[in-house]
Amino acid sequence: MGTQEIREQLEAKEADLLAQMEQLTRPQQDQGSISFGKRVGEGTSMAVDRLSAVTAHDTLAGNLDQVRRALAKLADGSYGRCDVCDEEIGEARLEARPWASRCLRHS
């Protein structure tokens, strides 16, 4: 796979992650208030939904950091080399996960 194709894949992934993160931070139509009284069912489910959204956002942010790291490595010529041992990252790993910055041994 050529450098331009890799860059396009990474930029598409970056745009996708940003869109997903924006979707998670968009206010919901019916926010309501979370109350924990005798009838906690609805308030509990809203709180769990919000916590799940925060966790998903954090995961997406971590993935975005990895994609941006891969773009930086592509720009500086070190793409495809492990950040830890500087050995080449396997082609199969990079095809499956173009933003990988570590070889399998150090992942």
PDB file of N, CA and C in Angstrom:
ATOM      1  N   MET A   1       0.854  -1.169   0.000  1.00  0.00           N
ATOM      2  CA  MET A   1       0.000   0.000   0.000  1.00  0.00           C
ATOM      3  C   MET A   1       0.904   1.237   0.000  1.00  0.00           C
ATOM      4  N   GLY A   2       0.567   2.203  -0.839  1.00  0.00           N
ATOM      5  CA  GLY A   2       1.381   3.402  -0.958  1.00  0.00           C
ATOM      6  C   GLY A   2       1.107   4.420   0.133  1.00  0.00           C
ATOM      7  N   THR A   3       2.025   5.360   0.270  1.00  0.00           N
ATOM      8  CA  THR A   3       1.921   6.395   1.299  1.00  0.00           C
ATOM      9  C   THR A   3       0.632   7.197   1.176  1.00  0.00           C
ATOM     10  N   GLN A   4       0.271   7.569  -0.051  1.00  0.00           N
ATOM     11  CA  GLN A   4      -0.946   8.364  -0.247  1.00  0.00           C
ATOM     12  C   GLN A   4      -2.185   7.582   0.177  1.00  0.00           C
ATOM     13  N   GLU A   5      -2.229   6.302  -0.154  1.00  0.00           N
ATOM     14  CA  GLU A   5      -3.371   5.465   0.220  1.00  0.00           C
ATOM     15  C   GLU A   5      -3.454   5.320   1.744  1.00  0.00           C
ATOM     16  N   ILE A   6      -2.319   5.149   2.382  1.00  0.00           N
ATOM     17  CA  ILE A   6      -2.290   5.051   3.847  1.00  0.00           C
ATOM     18  C   ILE A   6      -2.777   6.361   4.456  1.00  0.00           C
ATOM     19  N   ARG A   7      -2.280   7.483   3.943  1.00  0.00           N
ATOM     20  CA  ARG A   7      -2.693   8.794   4.448  1.00  0.00           C
ATOM     21  C   ARG A   7      -4.212   8.964   4.312  1.00  0.00           C
ATOM     22  N   GLU A   8      -4.750   8.584   3.164  1.00  0.00           N
ATOM     23  CA  GLU A   8      -6.193   8.704   2.941  1.00  0.00           C
ATOM     24  C   GLU A   8      -6.976   7.838   3.919  1.00  0.00           C
ATOM     25  N   GLN A   9      -6.500   6.616   4.161  1.00  0.00           N
ATOM     26  CA  GLN A   9      -7.159   5.735   5.134  1.00  0.00           C
ATOM     27  C   GLN A   9      -7.139   6.357   6.525  1.00  0.00           C
ATOM     28  N   LEU A  10      -5.986   6.864   6.919  1.00  0.00           N
ATOM     29  CA  LEU A  10      -5.848   7.456   8.253  1.00  0.00           C
ATOM     30  C   LEU A  10      -6.700   8.713   8.382  1.00  0.00           C
ATOM     31  N   GLU A  11      -6.721   9.540   7.360  1.00  0.00           N
ATOM     32  CA  GLU A  11      -7.533  10.758   7.406  1.00  0.00           C
ATOM     33  C   GLU A  11      -9.022  10.425   7.445  1.00  0.00           C
ATOM     34  N   ALA A  12      -9.434   9.378   6.729  1.00  0.00           N
ATOM     35  CA  ALA A  12     -10.830   8.943   6.773  1.00  0.00           C
ATOM     36  C   ALA A  12     -11.183   8.430   8.168  1.00  0.00           C
ATOM     37  N   LYS A  13     -10.275   7.679   8.772  1.00  0.00           N
ATOM     38  CA  LYS A  13     -10.498   7.171  10.134  1.00  0.00           C
ATOM     39  C   LYS A  13     -10.574   8.330  11.120  1.00  0.00           C
ATOM     40  N   GLU A  14      -9.700   9.319  10.957  1.00  0.00           N
ATOM     41  CA  GLU A  14      -9.713  10.496  11.823  1.00  0.00           C
ATOM     42  C   GLU A  14     -11.059  11.213  11.722  1.00  0.00           C
ATOM     43  N   ALA A  15     -11.552  11.417  10.511  1.00  0.00           N
ATOM     44  CA  ALA A  15     -12.841  12.087  10.310  1.00  0.00           C
ATOM     45  C   ALA A  15     -13.975  11.275  10.926  1.00  0.00           C
ATOM     46  N   ASP A  16     -13.926   9.959  10.777  1.00  0.00           N
ATOM     47  CA  ASP A  16     -14.953   9.085  11.341  1.00  0.00           C
ATOM     48  C   ASP A  16     -14.957   9.168  12.870  1.00  0.00           C
ATOM     49  N   LEU A  17     -13.788   9.124  13.472  1.00  0.00           N
ATOM     50  CA  LEU A  17     -13.691   9.209  14.933  1.00  0.00           C
ATOM     51  C   LEU A  17     -14.201  10.554  15.438  1.00  0.00           C
ATOM     52  N   LEU A  18     -13.835  11.631  14.759  1.00  0.00           N
ATOM     53  CA  LEU A  18     -14.307  12.961  15.159  1.00  0.00           C
ATOM     54  C   LEU A  18     -15.827  13.049  15.064  1.00  0.00           C
ATOM     55  N   ALA A  19     -16.408  12.475  14.015  1.00  0.00           N
ATOM     56  CA  ALA A  19     -17.868  12.485  13.857  1.00  0.00           C
ATOM     57  C   ALA A  19     -18.538  11.690  14.974  1.00  0.00           C
ATOM     58  N   GLN A  20     -17.966  10.539  15.313  1.00  0.00           N
ATOM     59  CA  GLN A  20     -18.532   9.729  16.397  1.00  0.00           C
ATOM     60  C   GLN A  20     -18.444  10.464  17.734  1.00  0.00           C
ATOM     61  N   MET A  21     -17.316  11.128  17.973  1.00  0.00           N
ATOM     62  CA  MET A  21     -17.150  11.871  19.225  1.00  0.00           C
ATOM     63  C   MET A  21     -18.133  13.035  19.294  1.00  0.00           C
ATOM     64  N   GLU A  22     -18.339  13.702  18.166  1.00  0.00           N
ATOM     65  CA  GLU A  22     -19.279  14.823  18.125  1.00  0.00           C
ATOM     66  C   GLU A  22     -20.694  14.326  18.402  1.00  0.00           C
ATOM     67  N   GLN A  23     -21.031  13.166  17.863  1.00  0.00           N
ATOM     68  CA  GLN A  23     -22.356  12.578  18.086  1.00  0.00           C
ATOM     69  C   GLN A  23     -22.570  12.288  19.578  1.00  0.00           C
ATOM     70  N   LEU A  24     -21.534  11.800  20.238  1.00  0.00           N
ATOM     71  CA  LEU A  24     -21.656  11.478  21.663  1.00  0.00           C
ATOM     72  C   LEU A  24     -21.797  12.722  22.530  1.00  0.00           C
ATOM     73  N   THR A  25     -21.219  13.832  22.097  1.00  0.00           N
ATOM     74  CA  THR A  25     -21.269  15.044  22.915  1.00  0.00           C
ATOM     75  C   THR A  25     -22.464  15.924  22.585  1.00  0.00           C
ATOM     76  N   ARG A  26     -23.203  15.565  21.542  1.00  0.00           N
ATOM     77  CA  ARG A  26     -24.397  16.327  21.174  1.00  0.00           C
ATOM     78  C   ARG A  26     -25.466  16.118  22.252  1.00  0.00           C
ATOM     79  N   PRO A  27     -26.101  17.198  22.716  1.00  0.00           N
ATOM     80  CA  PRO A  27     -27.145  17.051  23.737  1.00  0.00           C
ATOM     81  C   PRO A  27     -28.304  16.204  23.219  1.00  0.00           C
ATOM     82  N   GLN A  28     -28.821  15.362  24.088  1.00  0.00           N
ATOM     83  CA  GLN A  28     -29.961  14.532  23.723  1.00  0.00           C
ATOM     84  C   GLN A  28     -31.225  15.374  23.749  1.00  0.00           C
ATOM     85  N   GLN A  29     -32.216  14.937  22.974  1.00  0.00           N
ATOM     86  CA  GLN A  29     -33.485  15.660  22.897  1.00  0.00           C
ATOM     87  C   GLN A  29     -34.153  15.747  24.269  1.00  0.00           C
ATOM     88  N   ASP A  30     -34.282  14.613  24.925  1.00  0.00           N
ATOM     89  CA  ASP A  30     -34.971  14.565  26.216  1.00  0.00           C
ATOM     90  C   ASP A  30     -33.951  14.276  27.303  1.00  0.00           C
ATOM     91  N   GLN A  31     -33.303  15.335  27.790  1.00  0.00           N
ATOM     92  CA  GLN A  31     -32.289  15.121  28.812  1.00  0.00           C
ATOM     93  C   GLN A  31     -32.907  14.804  30.159  1.00  0.00           C
ATOM     94  N   GLY A  32     -33.971  15.466  30.490  1.00  0.00           N
ATOM     95  CA  GLY A  32     -34.600  15.214  31.775  1.00  0.00           C
ATOM     96  C   GLY A  32     -33.637  15.446  32.918  1.00  0.00           C
ATOM     97  N   SER A  33     -34.073  15.132  34.086  1.00  0.00           N
ATOM     98  CA  SER A  33     -33.191  15.255  35.240  1.00  0.00           C
ATOM     99  C   SER A  33     -33.035  13.875  35.858  1.00  0.00           C
ATOM    100  N   ILE A  34     -31.879  13.633  36.344  1.00  0.00           N
ATOM    101  CA  ILE A  34     -31.620  12.347  36.983  1.00  0.00           C
ATOM    102  C   ILE A  34     -31.951  12.487  38.457  1.00  0.00           C
ATOM    103  N   SER A  35     -32.919  11.703  38.887  1.00  0.00           N
ATOM    104  CA  SER A  35     -33.280  11.728  40.304  1.00  0.00           C
ATOM    105  C   SER A  35     -33.224  10.300  40.831  1.00  0.00           C
ATOM    106  N   PHE A  36     -32.803  10.172  42.049  1.00  0.00           N
ATOM    107  CA  PHE A  36     -32.665   8.860  42.663  1.00  0.00           C
ATOM    108  C   PHE A  36     -33.501   8.816  43.939  1.00  0.00           C
ATOM    109  N   GLY A  37     -34.772   8.680  43.768  1.00  0.00           N
ATOM    110  CA  GLY A  37     -35.679   8.569  44.899  1.00  0.00           C
ATOM    111  C   GLY A  37     -36.142   7.133  45.024  1.00  0.00           C
ATOM    112  N   LYS A  38     -37.427   6.968  45.387  1.00  0.00           N
ATOM    113  CA  LYS A  38     -37.973   5.624  45.526  1.00  0.00           C
ATOM    114  C   LYS A  38     -38.065   4.910  44.181  1.00  0.00           C
ATOM    115  N   ARG A  39     -38.261   5.669  43.125  1.00  0.00           N
ATOM    116  CA  ARG A  39     -38.398   5.077  41.794  1.00  0.00           C
ATOM    117  C   ARG A  39     -37.172   5.470  40.972  1.00  0.00           C
ATOM    118  N   VAL A  40     -36.138   4.704  41.102  1.00  0.00           N
ATOM    119  CA  VAL A  40     -34.865   5.072  40.488  1.00  0.00           C
ATOM    120  C   VAL A  40     -34.687   4.542  39.073  1.00  0.00           C
ATOM    121  N   GLY A  41     -35.590   3.763  38.590  1.00  0.00           N
ATOM    122  CA  GLY A  41     -35.421   3.110  37.295  1.00  0.00           C
ATOM    123  C   GLY A  41     -34.977   4.027  36.181  1.00  0.00           C
ATOM    124  N   GLU A  42     -35.745   5.075  35.906  1.00  0.00           N
ATOM    125  CA  GLU A  42     -35.423   5.951  34.786  1.00  0.00           C
ATOM    126  C   GLU A  42     -34.151   6.752  35.046  1.00  0.00           C
ATOM    127  N   GLY A  43     -34.015   7.279  36.248  1.00  0.00           N
ATOM    128  CA  GLY A  43     -32.813   8.043  36.581  1.00  0.00           C
ATOM    129  C   GLY A  43     -31.564   7.186  36.505  1.00  0.00           C
ATOM    130  N   THR A  44     -31.672   5.948  36.957  1.00  0.00           N
ATOM    131  CA  THR A  44     -30.535   5.040  36.908  1.00  0.00           C
ATOM    132  C   THR A  44     -30.140   4.743  35.470  1.00  0.00           C
ATOM    133  N   SER A  45     -31.128   4.482  34.629  1.00  0.00           N
ATOM    134  CA  SER A  45     -30.804   4.158  33.239  1.00  0.00           C
ATOM    135  C   SER A  45     -30.204   5.360  32.524  1.00  0.00           C
ATOM    136  N   MET A  46     -30.649   6.571  32.831  1.00  0.00           N
ATOM    137  CA  MET A  46     -30.064   7.773  32.228  1.00  0.00           C
ATOM    138  C   MET A  46     -28.616   7.949  32.688  1.00  0.00           C
ATOM    139  N   ALA A  47     -28.362   7.698  33.957  1.00  0.00           N
ATOM    140  CA  ALA A  47     -27.000   7.826  34.482  1.00  0.00           C
ATOM    141  C   ALA A  47     -26.075   6.798  33.832  1.00  0.00           C
ATOM    142  N   VAL A  48     -26.556   5.576  33.684  1.00  0.00           N
ATOM    143  CA  VAL A  48     -25.759   4.530  33.041  1.00  0.00           C
ATOM    144  C   VAL A  48     -25.483   4.903  31.587  1.00  0.00           C
ATOM    145  N   ASP A  49     -26.492   5.432  30.892  1.00  0.00           N
ATOM    146  CA  ASP A  49     -26.303   5.862  29.499  1.00  0.00           C
ATOM    147  C   ASP A  49     -25.240   6.949  29.404  1.00  0.00           C
ATOM    148  N   ARG A  50     -25.265   7.891  30.321  1.00  0.00           N
ATOM    149  CA  ARG A  50     -24.276   8.976  30.299  1.00  0.00           C
ATOM    150  C   ARG A  50     -22.872   8.456  30.589  1.00  0.00           C
ATOM    151  N   LEU A  51     -22.766   7.541  31.554  1.00  0.00           N
ATOM    152  CA  LEU A  51     -21.458   6.951  31.858  1.00  0.00           C
ATOM    153  C   LEU A  51     -20.931   6.145  30.672  1.00  0.00           C
ATOM    154  N   SER A  52     -21.826   5.431  30.007  1.00  0.00           N
ATOM    155  CA  SER A  52     -21.430   4.669  28.819  1.00  0.00           C
ATOM    156  C   SER A  52     -20.937   5.597  27.724  1.00  0.00           C
ATOM    157  N   ALA A  53     -21.605   6.733  27.555  1.00  0.00           N
ATOM    158  CA  ALA A  53     -21.197   7.708  26.537  1.00  0.00           C
ATOM    159  C   ALA A  53     -19.823   8.283  26.861  1.00  0.00           C
ATOM    160  N   VAL A  54     -19.563   8.547  28.141  1.00  0.00           N
ATOM    161  CA  VAL A  54     -18.257   9.080  28.548  1.00  0.00           C
ATOM    162  C   VAL A  54     -17.164   8.052  28.265  1.00  0.00           C
ATOM    163  N   THR A  55     -17.426   6.800  28.595  1.00  0.00           N
ATOM    164  CA  THR A  55     -16.456   5.737  28.342  1.00  0.00           C
ATOM    165  C   THR A  55     -16.191   5.586  26.848  1.00  0.00           C
ATOM    166  N   ALA A  56     -17.254   5.600  26.054  1.00  0.00           N
ATOM    167  CA  ALA A  56     -17.102   5.491  24.598  1.00  0.00           C
ATOM    168  C   ALA A  56     -16.306   6.672  24.052  1.00  0.00           C
ATOM    169  N   HIS A  57     -16.582   7.865  24.558  1.00  0.00           N
ATOM    170  CA  HIS A  57     -15.864   9.067  24.112  1.00  0.00           C
ATOM    171  C   HIS A  57     -14.377   8.938  24.434  1.00  0.00           C
ATOM    172  N   ASP A  58     -14.059   8.465  25.632  1.00  0.00           N
ATOM    173  CA  ASP A  58     -12.652   8.294  26.022  1.00  0.00           C
ATOM    174  C   ASP A  58     -11.941   7.281  25.118  1.00  0.00           C
ATOM    175  N   THR A  59     -12.633   6.199  24.778  1.00  0.00           N
ATOM    176  CA  THR A  59     -12.067   5.192  23.880  1.00  0.00           C
ATOM    177  C   THR A  59     -11.813   5.787  22.500  1.00  0.00           C
ATOM    178  N   LEU A  60     -12.793   6.533  21.995  1.00  0.00           N
ATOM    179  CA  LEU A  60     -12.638   7.176  20.689  1.00  0.00           C
ATOM    180  C   LEU A  60     -11.491   8.181  20.708  1.00  0.00           C
ATOM    181  N   ALA A  61     -11.361   8.929  21.809  1.00  0.00           N
ATOM    182  CA  ALA A  61     -10.273   9.912  21.924  1.00  0.00           C
ATOM    183  C   ALA A  61      -8.911   9.211  21.900  1.00  0.00           C
ATOM    184  N   GLY A  62      -8.812   8.069  22.558  1.00  0.00           N
ATOM    185  CA  GLY A  62      -7.568   7.296  22.528  1.00  0.00           C
ATOM    186  C   GLY A  62      -7.249   6.805  21.123  1.00  0.00           C
ATOM    187  N   ASN A  63      -8.274   6.334  20.419  1.00  0.00           N
ATOM    188  CA  ASN A  63      -8.080   5.896  19.039  1.00  0.00           C
ATOM    189  C   ASN A  63      -7.674   7.064  18.148  1.00  0.00           C
ATOM    190  N   LEU A  64      -8.273   8.226  18.385  1.00  0.00           N
ATOM    191  CA  LEU A  64      -7.930   9.420  17.609  1.00  0.00           C
ATOM    192  C   LEU A  64      -6.462   9.792  17.822  1.00  0.00           C
ATOM    193  N   ASP A  65      -5.997   9.698  19.060  1.00  0.00           N
ATOM    194  CA  ASP A  65      -4.579   9.964  19.347  1.00  0.00           C
ATOM    195  C   ASP A  65      -3.679   9.015  18.554  1.00  0.00           C
ATOM    196  N   GLN A  66      -4.072   7.739  18.481  1.00  0.00           N
ATOM    197  CA  GLN A  66      -3.277   6.757  17.743  1.00  0.00           C
ATOM    198  C   GLN A  66      -3.250   7.070  16.246  1.00  0.00           C
ATOM    199  N   VAL A  67      -4.399   7.466  15.708  1.00  0.00           N
ATOM    200  CA  VAL A  67      -4.467   7.809  14.281  1.00  0.00           C
ATOM    201  C   VAL A  67      -3.602   9.030  13.996  1.00  0.00           C
ATOM    202  N   ARG A  68      -3.679  10.024  14.860  1.00  0.00           N
ATOM    203  CA  ARG A  68      -2.868  11.233  14.661  1.00  0.00           C
ATOM    204  C   ARG A  68      -1.379  10.932  14.822  1.00  0.00           C
ATOM    205  N   ARG A  69      -1.041  10.020  15.705  1.00  0.00           N
ATOM    206  CA  ARG A  69       0.354   9.599  15.858  1.00  0.00           C
ATOM    207  C   ARG A  69       0.829   8.934  14.565  1.00  0.00           C
ATOM    208  N   ALA A  70      -0.010   8.081  13.988  1.00  0.00           N
ATOM    209  CA  ALA A  70       0.349   7.411  12.736  1.00  0.00           C
ATOM    210  C   ALA A  70       0.523   8.423  11.604  1.00  0.00           C
ATOM    211  N   LEU A  71      -0.330   9.443  11.550  1.00  0.00           N
ATOM    212  CA  LEU A  71      -0.187  10.490  10.532  1.00  0.00           C
ATOM    213  C   LEU A  71       1.131  11.246  10.715  1.00  0.00           C
ATOM    214  N   ALA A  72       1.496  11.512  11.964  1.00  0.00           N
ATOM    215  CA  ALA A  72       2.762  12.200  12.240  1.00  0.00           C
ATOM    216  C   ALA A  72       3.947  11.326  11.822  1.00  0.00           C
ATOM    217  N   LYS A  73       3.854  10.023  12.111  1.00  0.00           N
ATOM    218  CA  LYS A  73       4.925   9.100  11.725  1.00  0.00           C
ATOM    219  C   LYS A  73       5.028   9.007  10.205  1.00  0.00           C
ATOM    220  N   LEU A  74       3.893   9.053   9.539  1.00  0.00           N
ATOM    221  CA  LEU A  74       3.891   9.030   8.080  1.00  0.00           C
ATOM    222  C   LEU A  74       4.608  10.266   7.539  1.00  0.00           C
ATOM    223  N   ALA A  75       4.343  11.406   8.165  1.00  0.00           N
ATOM    224  CA  ALA A  75       4.960  12.668   7.733  1.00  0.00           C
ATOM    225  C   ALA A  75       6.470  12.688   7.983  1.00  0.00           C
ATOM    226  N   ASP A  76       6.901  12.085   9.102  1.00  0.00           N
ATOM    227  CA  ASP A  76       8.343  12.146   9.412  1.00  0.00           C
ATOM    228  C   ASP A  76       9.133  10.935   8.898  1.00  0.00           C
ATOM    229  N   GLY A  77       8.440  10.027   8.218  1.00  0.00           N
ATOM    230  CA  GLY A  77       9.132   8.895   7.607  1.00  0.00           C
ATOM    231  C   GLY A  77       9.319   7.683   8.496  1.00  0.00           C
ATOM    232  N   SER A  78       8.753   7.698   9.698  1.00  0.00           N
ATOM    233  CA  SER A  78       8.935   6.561  10.605  1.00  0.00           C
ATOM    234  C   SER A  78       7.710   5.646  10.655  1.00  0.00           C
ATOM    235  N   TYR A  79       6.746   5.866   9.777  1.00  0.00           N
ATOM    236  CA  TYR A  79       5.548   5.024   9.748  1.00  0.00           C
ATOM    237  C   TYR A  79       5.946   3.575   9.475  1.00  0.00           C
ATOM    238  N   GLY A  80       5.307   2.668  10.206  1.00  0.00           N
ATOM    239  CA  GLY A  80       5.579   1.247  10.016  1.00  0.00           C
ATOM    240  C   GLY A  80       6.679   0.705  10.906  1.00  0.00           C
ATOM    241  N   ARG A  81       7.223   1.568  11.771  1.00  0.00           N
ATOM    242  CA  ARG A  81       8.261   1.139  12.710  1.00  0.00           C
ATOM    243  C   ARG A  81       7.702   1.245  14.131  1.00  0.00           C
ATOM    244  N   CYS A  82       8.039   0.273  14.943  1.00  0.00           N
ATOM    245  CA  CYS A  82       7.559   0.206  16.322  1.00  0.00           C
ATOM    246  C   CYS A  82       8.138   1.354  17.152  1.00  0.00           C
ATOM    247  N   ASP A  83       7.283   2.000  17.935  1.00  0.00           N
ATOM    248  CA  ASP A  83       7.721   3.084  18.819  1.00  0.00           C
ATOM    249  C   ASP A  83       8.661   2.593  19.920  1.00  0.00           C
ATOM    250  N   VAL A  84       8.579   1.311  20.268  1.00  0.00           N
ATOM    251  CA  VAL A  84       9.370   0.783  21.381  1.00  0.00           C
ATOM    252  C   VAL A  84      10.725   0.251  20.909  1.00  0.00           C
ATOM    253  N   CYS A  85      10.702  -0.656  19.934  1.00  0.00           N
ATOM    254  CA  CYS A  85      11.944  -1.333  19.531  1.00  0.00           C
ATOM    255  C   CYS A  85      12.483  -0.872  18.175  1.00  0.00           C
ATOM    256  N   ASP A  86      11.751  -0.051  17.486  1.00  0.00           N
ATOM    257  CA  ASP A  86      12.115   0.487  16.171  1.00  0.00           C
ATOM    258  C   ASP A  86      12.198  -0.584  15.085  1.00  0.00           C
ATOM    259  N   GLU A  87      11.684  -1.781  15.364  1.00  0.00           N
ATOM    260  CA  GLU A  87      11.609  -2.822  14.333  1.00  0.00           C
ATOM    261  C   GLU A  87      10.384  -2.545  13.462  1.00  0.00           C
ATOM    262  N   GLU A  88      10.380  -3.146  12.270  1.00  0.00           N
ATOM    263  CA  GLU A  88       9.234  -2.974  11.384  1.00  0.00           C
ATOM    264  C   GLU A  88       8.002  -3.645  11.971  1.00  0.00           C
ATOM    265  N   ILE A  89       6.872  -2.968  11.833  1.00  0.00           N
ATOM    266  CA  ILE A  89       5.585  -3.539  12.230  1.00  0.00           C
ATOM    267  C   ILE A  89       5.136  -4.412  11.065  1.00  0.00           C
ATOM    268  N   GLY A  90       4.630  -5.598  11.372  1.00  0.00           N
ATOM    269  CA  GLY A  90       4.216  -6.528  10.324  1.00  0.00           C
ATOM    270  C   GLY A  90       3.180  -5.941   9.378  1.00  0.00           C
ATOM    271  N   GLU A  91       3.302  -6.314   8.110  1.00  0.00           N
ATOM    272  CA  GLU A  91       2.396  -5.805   7.085  1.00  0.00           C
ATOM    273  C   GLU A  91       0.944  -6.160   7.391  1.00  0.00           C
ATOM    274  N   ALA A  92       0.711  -7.386   7.863  1.00  0.00           N
ATOM    275  CA  ALA A  92      -0.657  -7.811   8.179  1.00  0.00           C
ATOM    276  C   ALA A  92      -1.247  -6.940   9.287  1.00  0.00           C
ATOM    277  N   ARG A  93      -0.431  -6.607  10.278  1.00  0.00           N
ATOM    278  CA  ARG A  93      -0.913  -5.748  11.375  1.00  0.00           C
ATOM    279  C   ARG A  93      -1.263  -4.360  10.849  1.00  0.00           C
ATOM    280  N   LEU A  94      -0.415  -3.807  10.000  1.00  0.00           N
ATOM    281  CA  LEU A  94      -0.677  -2.473   9.461  1.00  0.00           C
ATOM    282  C   LEU A  94      -1.876  -2.464   8.517  1.00  0.00           C
ATOM    283  N   GLU A  95      -2.103  -3.561   7.818  1.00  0.00           N
ATOM    284  CA  GLU A  95      -3.287  -3.639   6.962  1.00  0.00           C
ATOM    285  C   GLU A  95      -4.548  -3.689   7.806  1.00  0.00           C
ATOM    286  N   ALA A  96      -4.500  -4.441   8.899  1.00  0.00           N
ATOM    287  CA  ALA A  96      -5.661  -4.555   9.778  1.00  0.00           C
ATOM    288  C   ALA A  96      -5.873  -3.300  10.610  1.00  0.00           C
ATOM    289  N   ARG A  97      -4.767  -2.658  10.972  1.00  0.00           N
ATOM    290  CA  ARG A  97      -4.821  -1.507  11.870  1.00  0.00           C
ATOM    291  C   ARG A  97      -3.755  -0.497  11.431  1.00  0.00           C
ATOM    292  N   PRO A  98      -4.066   0.303  10.403  1.00  0.00           N
ATOM    293  CA  PRO A  98      -3.055   1.212   9.841  1.00  0.00           C
ATOM    294  C   PRO A  98      -2.495   2.223  10.840  1.00  0.00           C
ATOM    295  N   TRP A  99      -3.171   2.429  11.940  1.00  0.00           N
ATOM    296  CA  TRP A  99      -2.706   3.402  12.940  1.00  0.00           C
ATOM    297  C   TRP A  99      -1.842   2.755  14.019  1.00  0.00           C
ATOM    298  N   ALA A 100      -1.510   1.480  13.859  1.00  0.00           N
ATOM    299  CA  ALA A 100      -0.661   0.802  14.849  1.00  0.00           C
ATOM    300  C   ALA A 100       0.713   1.469  14.888  1.00  0.00           C
ATOM    301  N   SER A 101       1.188   1.743  16.091  1.00  0.00           N
ATOM    302  CA  SER A 101       2.512   2.355  16.235  1.00  0.00           C
ATOM    303  C   SER A 101       3.470   1.444  17.001  1.00  0.00           C
ATOM    304  N   ARG A 102       2.988   0.236  17.302  1.00  0.00           N
ATOM    305  CA  ARG A 102       3.823  -0.749  17.990  1.00  0.00           C
ATOM    306  C   ARG A 102       3.671  -2.103  17.314  1.00  0.00           C
ATOM    307  N   CYS A 103       4.739  -2.867  17.332  1.00  0.00           N
ATOM    308  CA  CYS A 103       4.684  -4.222  16.795  1.00  0.00           C
ATOM    309  C   CYS A 103       3.835  -5.089  17.734  1.00  0.00           C
ATOM    310  N   LEU A 104       3.533  -6.304  17.290  1.00  0.00           N
ATOM    311  CA  LEU A 104       2.709  -7.191  18.118  1.00  0.00           C
ATOM    312  C   LEU A 104       3.354  -7.469  19.468  1.00  0.00           C
ATOM    313  N   ARG A 105       4.661  -7.631  19.474  1.00  0.00           N
ATOM    314  CA  ARG A 105       5.366  -7.934  20.725  1.00  0.00           C
ATOM    315  C   ARG A 105       5.176  -6.823  21.759  1.00  0.00           C
ATOM    316  N   HIS A 106       5.081  -5.578  21.328  1.00  0.00           N
ATOM    317  CA  HIS A 106       4.989  -4.445  22.252  1.00  0.00           C
ATOM    318  C   HIS A 106       3.604  -3.806  22.326  1.00  0.00           C
ATOM    319  N   SER A 107       2.620  -4.447  21.715  1.00  0.00           N
ATOM    320  CA  SER A 107       1.275  -3.855  21.744  1.00  0.00           C
ATOM    321  C   SER A 107       0.543  -4.162  23.027  1.00  0.00           C
TER     322      SER A 107
END
